[in-house]
């Protein structure tokens, strides 16, 4: 018999909506990492990202009785998390700590990792500059950069997550890249464009 964590999402959602806390805990286990990484990319502070992610799951739990079972869970959760993150930024301001190193595969790791101290220091400095540039973007532009380049989501995955047309994703990402390129050029010069000119995978 499959464990709760291995059950189909539709089964977990049905049980969670019926009040099964273990089923909801399995959903938390399945999606917490993804939610936390997106929150971290948007707000720029690990402790705040954890708090916002936890609050998003608590609100999702409180509203599970309203959940439509034919819908996927994560886009619904993400809408809650997104609103929490944007409200948090409106109160705190966009400038947080630098939490990230952008890896070649688009993932996010804590800055300063690696065995070579010089490489770690250089990576930390690049991450700091990247975060400063990201912090100048609007919430929507920073969000779409995080989803596309940090989380490596496709256009269609982003469109589903944000409930917007694929063309809107492409347009928003185009303007976000231009804004990020300008911010990076102002800090590091034209050679700093590797993120904003990264090749696309649809």
Foldseek 3Di string as FASTA:
>chain_A
DDDLLPDDLLVLLVVLLVPDVVSLVSVCVVCVVVQLLLLCLQQVDNVVSNVLSVVLSVVCSVCSPVDDSVDGDQLVSVVSSLVSSVVVCVVVPLDDHQQFFQDPVQETDGQQDDDDNVVSVVSNVLSRLLSVLLSVDDSLLSSLLCVCRHVVDALVVVCSSVVHDSVVSVVSPLVSLVSSCVSSCVPPNNVSSCSSPPDHDD
